[in-house]
Amino acid sequence: MRPQSLAIRLLPPFIGWCAIGATALPAASALRAAPVAVFLLAGPGAAFLRLCGPALARHQAVGPVESWDRGFEKNSDRLEQLVLTAFLSVSATVICATALMAAHAFSGLRVLVLLTLLTMLAACCPQLPGRTPTARASSPPQKGSPL
Protein backbone atom coordinates (compact mmCIF):
# COMPACT_ATOMS: atom_id res chain seq x y z
CA MET A 1 0.00 0.00 0.00
CA ARG A 2 1.34 3.42 -0.95
CA PRO A 3 1.76 6.03 1.83
CA GLN A 4 -0.44 8.48 -0.11
CA SER A 5 -3.23 5.90 -0.28
CA LEU A 6 -2.94 5.24 3.46
CA ALA A 7 -3.10 8.96 4.21
CA ILE A 8 -6.28 9.34 2.15
CA ARG A 9 -7.84 6.30 3.84
CA LEU A 10 -7.11 7.63 7.32
CA LEU A 11 -8.20 11.22 6.63
CA PRO A 12 -11.86 10.75 7.76
CA PRO A 13 -10.90 9.17 11.13
CA PHE A 14 -8.28 11.88 11.63
CA ILE A 15 -10.93 14.56 11.13
CA GLY A 16 -13.07 12.67 13.65
CA TRP A 17 -10.31 12.76 16.24
CA CYS A 18 -9.81 16.49 15.50
CA ALA A 19 -13.55 17.01 16.07
CA ILE A 20 -13.33 15.18 19.40
CA GLY A 21 -10.35 17.33 20.35
CA ALA A 22 -12.24 20.47 19.33
CA THR A 23 -14.90 19.77 21.97
CA ALA A 24 -12.40 21.08 24.55
CA LEU A 25 -12.75 24.58 23.05
CA PRO A 26 -15.40 27.04 24.32
CA ALA A 27 -18.97 26.10 23.36
CA ALA A 28 -19.75 29.08 21.11
CA SER A 29 -16.44 28.93 19.23
CA ALA A 30 -16.49 28.57 15.45
CA LEU A 31 -13.27 26.59 15.76
CA ARG A 32 -15.26 24.02 17.71
CA ALA A 33 -18.25 23.85 15.39
CA ALA A 34 -16.34 23.67 12.08
CA PRO A 35 -14.48 20.35 12.53
CA VAL A 36 -17.51 18.75 14.18
CA ALA A 37 -19.81 19.80 11.32
CA VAL A 38 -17.33 18.71 8.63
CA PHE A 39 -16.88 15.32 10.28
CA LEU A 40 -20.59 14.73 10.84
CA LEU A 41 -21.43 15.68 7.24
CA ALA A 42 -18.61 13.88 5.45
CA GLY A 43 -16.44 11.67 7.66
CA PRO A 44 -18.37 8.42 8.10
CA GLY A 45 -19.86 8.62 4.61
CA ALA A 46 -16.46 9.04 2.97
CA ALA A 47 -15.06 6.02 4.82
CA PHE A 48 -18.09 3.85 4.00
CA LEU A 49 -18.11 4.99 0.38
CA ARG A 50 -14.42 4.14 0.01
CA LEU A 51 -15.21 0.72 1.45
CA CYS A 52 -17.90 -0.11 -1.10
CA GLY A 53 -16.74 2.19 -3.94
CA PRO A 54 -15.56 -0.51 -6.36
CA ALA A 55 -18.86 -2.36 -6.02
CA LEU A 56 -20.76 0.87 -6.75
CA ALA A 57 -18.50 1.77 -9.68
CA ARG A 58 -19.75 -1.10 -11.80
CA HIS A 59 -22.82 0.98 -12.67
CA GLN A 60 -21.87 4.10 -14.55
CA ALA A 61 -24.08 6.94 -15.63
CA VAL A 62 -25.19 7.05 -19.25
CA GLY A 63 -25.48 10.41 -20.92
CA PRO A 64 -28.35 11.61 -23.05
CA VAL A 65 -28.68 10.35 -26.60
CA GLU A 66 -27.66 13.71 -28.04
CA SER A 67 -24.24 13.96 -26.47
CA TRP A 68 -23.75 17.71 -26.12
CA ASP A 69 -22.01 17.35 -22.76
CA ARG A 70 -18.83 15.30 -23.08
CA GLY A 71 -18.17 15.15 -19.30
CA PHE A 72 -21.67 14.07 -18.28
CA GLU A 73 -20.70 10.61 -17.05
CA LYS A 74 -17.72 11.78 -15.01
CA ASN A 75 -19.52 14.77 -13.48
CA SER A 76 -22.62 12.71 -12.78
CA ASP A 77 -20.60 10.07 -10.94
CA ARG A 78 -18.82 12.72 -8.86
CA LEU A 79 -22.10 14.36 -7.89
CA GLU A 80 -23.56 10.97 -7.00
CA GLN A 81 -20.58 10.21 -4.75
CA LEU A 82 -20.82 13.61 -3.04
CA VAL A 83 -24.52 13.26 -2.28
CA LEU A 84 -24.10 9.64 -1.21
CA THR A 85 -21.27 10.66 1.14
CA ALA A 86 -23.46 13.26 2.84
CA PHE A 87 -26.47 10.93 3.13
CA LEU A 88 -24.38 8.05 4.49
CA SER A 89 -22.81 10.37 7.06
CA VAL A 90 -26.13 11.77 8.23
CA SER A 91 -27.62 8.26 8.34
CA ALA A 92 -24.72 6.94 10.43
CA THR A 93 -25.06 9.91 12.79
CA VAL A 94 -28.79 9.33 13.24
CA ILE A 95 -28.31 5.59 13.83
CA CYS A 96 -25.54 6.14 16.39
CA ALA A 97 -27.51 8.85 18.21
CA THR A 98 -30.64 6.67 18.27
CA ALA A 99 -28.69 3.70 19.63
CA LEU A 100 -27.18 5.83 22.37
CA MET A 101 -30.60 7.29 23.23
CA ALA A 102 -32.05 3.79 23.47
CA ALA A 103 -29.23 2.83 25.83
CA HIS A 104 -29.85 6.00 27.92
CA ALA A 105 -26.23 7.06 27.28
CA PHE A 106 -26.68 9.90 24.79
CA SER A 107 -24.28 12.83 24.68
CA GLY A 108 -22.70 14.73 21.82
CA LEU A 109 -19.21 13.58 22.73
CA ARG A 110 -20.29 9.93 22.86
CA VAL A 111 -21.85 10.22 19.40
CA LEU A 112 -18.59 11.68 18.06
CA VAL A 113 -16.50 8.95 19.68
CA LEU A 114 -18.75 6.16 18.40
CA LEU A 115 -18.80 7.61 14.87
CA THR A 116 -15.03 8.07 14.90
CA LEU A 117 -14.51 4.46 15.96
CA LEU A 118 -16.89 3.24 13.22
CA THR A 119 -15.10 5.45 10.70
CA MET A 120 -11.74 4.02 11.77
CA LEU A 121 -13.12 0.51 11.38
CA ALA A 122 -14.42 1.30 7.88
CA ALA A 123 -11.11 2.93 6.92
CA CYS A 124 -9.15 -0.15 8.00
CA CYS A 125 -11.37 -2.67 6.21
CA PRO A 126 -10.44 -3.81 2.70
CA GLN A 127 -12.55 -2.58 -0.19
CA LEU A 128 -15.37 -4.72 -1.50
CA PRO A 129 -14.51 -6.30 -4.84
CA GLY A 130 -15.93 -4.71 -7.94
CA ARG A 131 -16.95 -6.18 -11.24
CA THR A 132 -16.51 -4.94 -14.73
CA PRO A 133 -18.31 -1.63 -15.28
CA THR A 134 -21.68 -1.83 -16.97
CA ALA A 135 -23.79 1.03 -18.23
CA ARG A 136 -27.13 1.83 -16.69
CA ALA A 137 -30.18 1.65 -18.89
CA SER A 138 -30.90 5.09 -20.29
CA SER A 139 -34.57 4.38 -20.98
CA PRO A 140 -37.19 1.91 -19.77
CA PRO A 141 -37.56 -1.36 -21.69
CA GLN A 142 -39.78 -1.32 -24.76
CA LYS A 143 -43.14 -3.08 -24.72
CA GLY A 144 -42.85 -6.68 -25.75
CA SER A 145 -39.15 -6.92 -24.92
CA PRO A 146 -38.00 -9.77 -22.65
CA LEU A 147 -36.88 -7.28 -19.96
C-alpha atoms as a PDB file:
ATOM      1  CA  MET A   1       0.000   0.000   0.000  1.00  0.00           C
ATOM      2  CA  ARG A   2       1.340   3.422  -0.946  1.00  0.00           C
ATOM      3  CA  PRO A   3       1.760   6.032   1.825  1.00  0.00           C
ATOM      4  CA  GLN A   4      -0.444   8.475  -0.106  1.00  0.00           C
ATOM      5  CA  SER A   5      -3.229   5.896  -0.280  1.00  0.00           C
ATOM      6  CA  LEU A   6      -2.938   5.237   3.459  1.00  0.00           C
ATOM      7  CA  ALA A   7      -3.101   8.956   4.210  1.00  0.00           C
ATOM      8  CA  ILE A   8      -6.276   9.336   2.153  1.00  0.00           C
ATOM      9  CA  ARG A   9      -7.838   6.300   3.839  1.00  0.00           C
ATOM     10  CA  LEU A  10      -7.112   7.634   7.318  1.00  0.00           C
ATOM     11  CA  LEU A  11      -8.202  11.217   6.632  1.00  0.00           C
ATOM     12  CA  PRO A  12     -11.861  10.752   7.760  1.00  0.00           C
ATOM     13  CA  PRO A  13     -10.898   9.172  11.131  1.00  0.00           C
ATOM     14  CA  PHE A  14      -8.277  11.877  11.629  1.00  0.00           C
ATOM     15  CA  ILE A  15     -10.928  14.560  11.128  1.00  0.00           C
ATOM     16  CA  GLY A  16     -13.070  12.673  13.653  1.00  0.00           C
ATOM     17  CA  TRP A  17     -10.311  12.760  16.242  1.00  0.00           C
ATOM     18  CA  CYS A  18      -9.813  16.486  15.503  1.00  0.00           C
ATOM     19  CA  ALA A  19     -13.550  17.006  16.068  1.00  0.00           C
ATOM     20  CA  ILE A  20     -13.326  15.182  19.397  1.00  0.00           C
ATOM     21  CA  GLY A  21     -10.350  17.334  20.355  1.00  0.00           C
ATOM     22  CA  ALA A  22     -12.243  20.469  19.331  1.00  0.00           C
ATOM     23  CA  THR A  23     -14.897  19.767  21.969  1.00  0.00           C
ATOM     24  CA  ALA A  24     -12.397  21.076  24.550  1.00  0.00           C
ATOM     25  CA  LEU A  25     -12.753  24.577  23.053  1.00  0.00           C
ATOM     26  CA  PRO A  26     -15.404  27.037  24.323  1.00  0.00           C
ATOM     27  CA  ALA A  27     -18.974  26.104  23.359  1.00  0.00           C
ATOM     28  CA  ALA A  28     -19.746  29.083  21.108  1.00  0.00           C
ATOM     29  CA  SER A  29     -16.441  28.928  19.227  1.00  0.00           C
ATOM     30  CA  ALA A  30     -16.492  28.571  15.450  1.00  0.00           C
ATOM     31  CA  LEU A  31     -13.265  26.589  15.762  1.00  0.00           C
ATOM     32  CA  ARG A  32     -15.263  24.023  17.707  1.00  0.00           C
ATOM     33  CA  ALA A  33     -18.248  23.852  15.385  1.00  0.00           C
ATOM     34  CA  ALA A  34     -16.344  23.671  12.076  1.00  0.00           C
ATOM     35  CA  PRO A  35     -14.484  20.350  12.525  1.00  0.00           C
ATOM     36  CA  VAL A  36     -17.509  18.750  14.177  1.00  0.00           C
ATOM     37  CA  ALA A  37     -19.811  19.803  11.325  1.00  0.00           C
ATOM     38  CA  VAL A  38     -17.327  18.710   8.635  1.00  0.00           C
ATOM     39  CA  PHE A  39     -16.883  15.322  10.279  1.00  0.00           C
ATOM     40  CA  LEU A  40     -20.592  14.728  10.844  1.00  0.00           C
ATOM     41  CA  LEU A  41     -21.433  15.677   7.239  1.00  0.00           C
ATOM     42  CA  ALA A  42     -18.611  13.884   5.445  1.00  0.00           C
ATOM     43  CA  GLY A  43     -16.439  11.666   7.664  1.00  0.00           C
ATOM     44  CA  PRO A  44     -18.366   8.417   8.095  1.00  0.00           C
ATOM     45  CA  GLY A  45     -19.865   8.617   4.612  1.00  0.00           C
ATOM     46  CA  ALA A  46     -16.457   9.044   2.969  1.00  0.00           C
ATOM     47  CA  ALA A  47     -15.062   6.020   4.822  1.00  0.00           C
ATOM     48  CA  PHE A  48     -18.085   3.845   4.004  1.00  0.00           C
ATOM     49  CA  LEU A  49     -18.112   4.986   0.382  1.00  0.00           C
ATOM     50  CA  ARG A  50     -14.420   4.137   0.008  1.00  0.00           C
ATOM     51  CA  LEU A  51     -15.209   0.723   1.447  1.00  0.00           C
ATOM     52  CA  CYS A  52     -17.898  -0.107  -1.104  1.00  0.00           C
ATOM     53  CA  GLY A  53     -16.740   2.189  -3.937  1.00  0.00           C
ATOM     54  CA  PRO A  54     -15.557  -0.514  -6.360  1.00  0.00           C
ATOM     55  CA  ALA A  55     -18.861  -2.360  -6.016  1.00  0.00           C
ATOM     56  CA  LEU A  56     -20.757   0.867  -6.748  1.00  0.00           C
ATOM     57  CA  ALA A  57     -18.498   1.774  -9.680  1.00  0.00           C
ATOM     58  CA  ARG A  58     -19.746  -1.099 -11.801  1.00  0.00           C
ATOM     59  CA  HIS A  59     -22.822   0.980 -12.668  1.00  0.00           C
ATOM     60  CA  GLN A  60     -21.866   4.098 -14.550  1.00  0.00           C
ATOM     61  CA  ALA A  61     -24.077   6.938 -15.633  1.00  0.00           C
ATOM     62  CA  VAL A  62     -25.186   7.051 -19.254  1.00  0.00           C
ATOM     63  CA  GLY A  63     -25.482  10.409 -20.920  1.00  0.00           C
ATOM     64  CA  PRO A  64     -28.355  11.614 -23.051  1.00  0.00           C
ATOM     65  CA  VAL A  65     -28.682  10.352 -26.600  1.00  0.00           C
ATOM     66  CA  GLU A  66     -27.664  13.710 -28.036  1.00  0.00           C
ATOM     67  CA  SER A  67     -24.236  13.962 -26.467  1.00  0.00           C
ATOM     68  CA  TRP A  68     -23.753  17.712 -26.119  1.00  0.00           C
ATOM     69  CA  ASP A  69     -22.009  17.350 -22.763  1.00  0.00           C
ATOM     70  CA  ARG A  70     -18.827  15.297 -23.077  1.00  0.00           C
ATOM     71  CA  GLY A  71     -18.167  15.146 -19.303  1.00  0.00           C
ATOM     72  CA  PHE A  72     -21.673  14.066 -18.284  1.00  0.00           C
ATOM     73  CA  GLU A  73     -20.698  10.606 -17.053  1.00  0.00           C
ATOM     74  CA  LYS A  74     -17.715  11.785 -15.009  1.00  0.00           C
ATOM     75  CA  ASN A  75     -19.521  14.767 -13.483  1.00  0.00           C
ATOM     76  CA  SER A  76     -22.618  12.710 -12.776  1.00  0.00           C
ATOM     77  CA  ASP A  77     -20.600  10.066 -10.940  1.00  0.00           C
ATOM     78  CA  ARG A  78     -18.824  12.720  -8.857  1.00  0.00           C
ATOM     79  CA  LEU A  79     -22.099  14.360  -7.889  1.00  0.00           C
ATOM     80  CA  GLU A  80     -23.563  10.975  -7.005  1.00  0.00           C
ATOM     81  CA  GLN A  81     -20.577  10.209  -4.746  1.00  0.00           C
ATOM     82  CA  LEU A  82     -20.815  13.611  -3.045  1.00  0.00           C
ATOM     83  CA  VAL A  83     -24.520  13.256  -2.284  1.00  0.00           C
ATOM     84  CA  LEU A  84     -24.100   9.645  -1.207  1.00  0.00           C
ATOM     85  CA  THR A  85     -21.270  10.656   1.143  1.00  0.00           C
ATOM     86  CA  ALA A  86     -23.461  13.259   2.836  1.00  0.00           C
ATOM     87  CA  PHE A  87     -26.466  10.928   3.128  1.00  0.00           C
ATOM     88  CA  LEU A  88     -24.378   8.049   4.490  1.00  0.00           C
ATOM     89  CA  SER A  89     -22.814  10.369   7.062  1.00  0.00           C
ATOM     90  CA  VAL A  90     -26.126  11.767   8.226  1.00  0.00           C
ATOM     91  CA  SER A  91     -27.619   8.264   8.345  1.00  0.00           C
ATOM     92  CA  ALA A  92     -24.721   6.937  10.430  1.00  0.00           C
ATOM     93  CA  THR A  93     -25.055   9.912  12.789  1.00  0.00           C
ATOM     94  CA  VAL A  94     -28.790   9.329  13.244  1.00  0.00           C
ATOM     95  CA  ILE A  95     -28.314   5.590  13.829  1.00  0.00           C
ATOM     96  CA  CYS A  96     -25.543   6.142  16.394  1.00  0.00           C
ATOM     97  CA  ALA A  97     -27.513   8.850  18.208  1.00  0.00           C
ATOM     98  CA  THR A  98     -30.639   6.673  18.268  1.00  0.00           C
ATOM     99  CA  ALA A  99     -28.695   3.701  19.631  1.00  0.00           C
ATOM    100  CA  LEU A 100     -27.182   5.829  22.371  1.00  0.00           C
ATOM    101  CA  MET A 101     -30.602   7.287  23.230  1.00  0.00           C
ATOM    102  CA  ALA A 102     -32.054   3.786  23.471  1.00  0.00           C
ATOM    103  CA  ALA A 103     -29.225   2.832  25.832  1.00  0.00           C
ATOM    104  CA  HIS A 104     -29.847   6.000  27.923  1.00  0.00           C
ATOM    105  CA  ALA A 105     -26.230   7.057  27.282  1.00  0.00           C
ATOM    106  CA  PHE A 106     -26.680   9.903  24.794  1.00  0.00           C
ATOM    107  CA  SER A 107     -24.278  12.832  24.683  1.00  0.00           C
ATOM    108  CA  GLY A 108     -22.699  14.729  21.818  1.00  0.00           C
ATOM    109  CA  LEU A 109     -19.207  13.581  22.735  1.00  0.00           C
ATOM    110  CA  ARG A 110     -20.285   9.925  22.861  1.00  0.00           C
ATOM    111  CA  VAL A 111     -21.848  10.221  19.395  1.00  0.00           C
ATOM    112  CA  LEU A 112     -18.591  11.678  18.056  1.00  0.00           C
ATOM    113  CA  VAL A 113     -16.495   8.951  19.684  1.00  0.00           C
ATOM    114  CA  LEU A 114     -18.747   6.165  18.403  1.00  0.00           C
ATOM    115  CA  LEU A 115     -18.798   7.609  14.874  1.00  0.00           C
ATOM    116  CA  THR A 116     -15.027   8.074  14.901  1.00  0.00           C
ATOM    117  CA  LEU A 117     -14.508   4.456  15.955  1.00  0.00           C
ATOM    118  CA  LEU A 118     -16.888   3.238  13.221  1.00  0.00           C
ATOM    119  CA  THR A 119     -15.096   5.448  10.702  1.00  0.00           C
ATOM    120  CA  MET A 120     -11.739   4.019  11.771  1.00  0.00           C
ATOM    121  CA  LEU A 121     -13.116   0.510  11.379  1.00  0.00           C
ATOM    122  CA  ALA A 122     -14.417   1.299   7.884  1.00  0.00           C
ATOM    123  CA  ALA A 123     -11.112   2.932   6.925  1.00  0.00           C
ATOM    124  CA  CYS A 124      -9.151  -0.146   8.000  1.00  0.00           C
ATOM    125  CA  CYS A 125     -11.371  -2.670   6.206  1.00  0.00           C
ATOM    126  CA  PRO A 126     -10.441  -3.808   2.696  1.00  0.00           C
ATOM    127  CA  GLN A 127     -12.552  -2.580  -0.189  1.00  0.00           C
ATOM    128  CA  LEU A 128     -15.365  -4.724  -1.497  1.00  0.00           C
ATOM    129  CA  PRO A 129     -14.508  -6.301  -4.837  1.00  0.00           C
ATOM    130  CA  GLY A 130     -15.933  -4.710  -7.935  1.00  0.00           C
ATOM    131  CA  ARG A 131     -16.951  -6.180 -11.238  1.00  0.00           C
ATOM    132  CA  THR A 132     -16.509  -4.941 -14.731  1.00  0.00           C
ATOM    133  CA  PRO A 133     -18.314  -1.634 -15.283  1.00  0.00           C
ATOM    134  CA  THR A 134     -21.682  -1.825 -16.969  1.00  0.00           C
ATOM    135  CA  ALA A 135     -23.789   1.028 -18.230  1.00  0.00           C
ATOM    136  CA  ARG A 136     -27.134   1.833 -16.687  1.00  0.00           C
ATOM    137  CA  ALA A 137     -30.178   1.649 -18.892  1.00  0.00           C
ATOM    138  CA  SER A 138     -30.897   5.090 -20.287  1.00  0.00           C
ATOM    139  CA  SER A 139     -34.573   4.377 -20.982  1.00  0.00           C
ATOM    140  CA  PRO A 140     -37.188   1.914 -19.767  1.00  0.00           C
ATOM    141  CA  PRO A 141     -37.563  -1.362 -21.694  1.00  0.00           C
ATOM    142  CA  GLN A 142     -39.783  -1.324 -24.762  1.00  0.00           C
ATOM    143  CA  LYS A 143     -43.141  -3.076 -24.720  1.00  0.00           C
ATOM    144  CA  GLY A 144     -42.853  -6.679 -25.751  1.00  0.00           C
ATOM    145  CA  SER A 145     -39.145  -6.918 -24.920  1.00  0.00           C
ATOM    146  CA  PRO A 146     -38.000  -9.774 -22.653  1.00  0.00           C
ATOM    147  CA  LEU A 147     -36.883  -7.276 -19.963  1.00  0.00           C
END
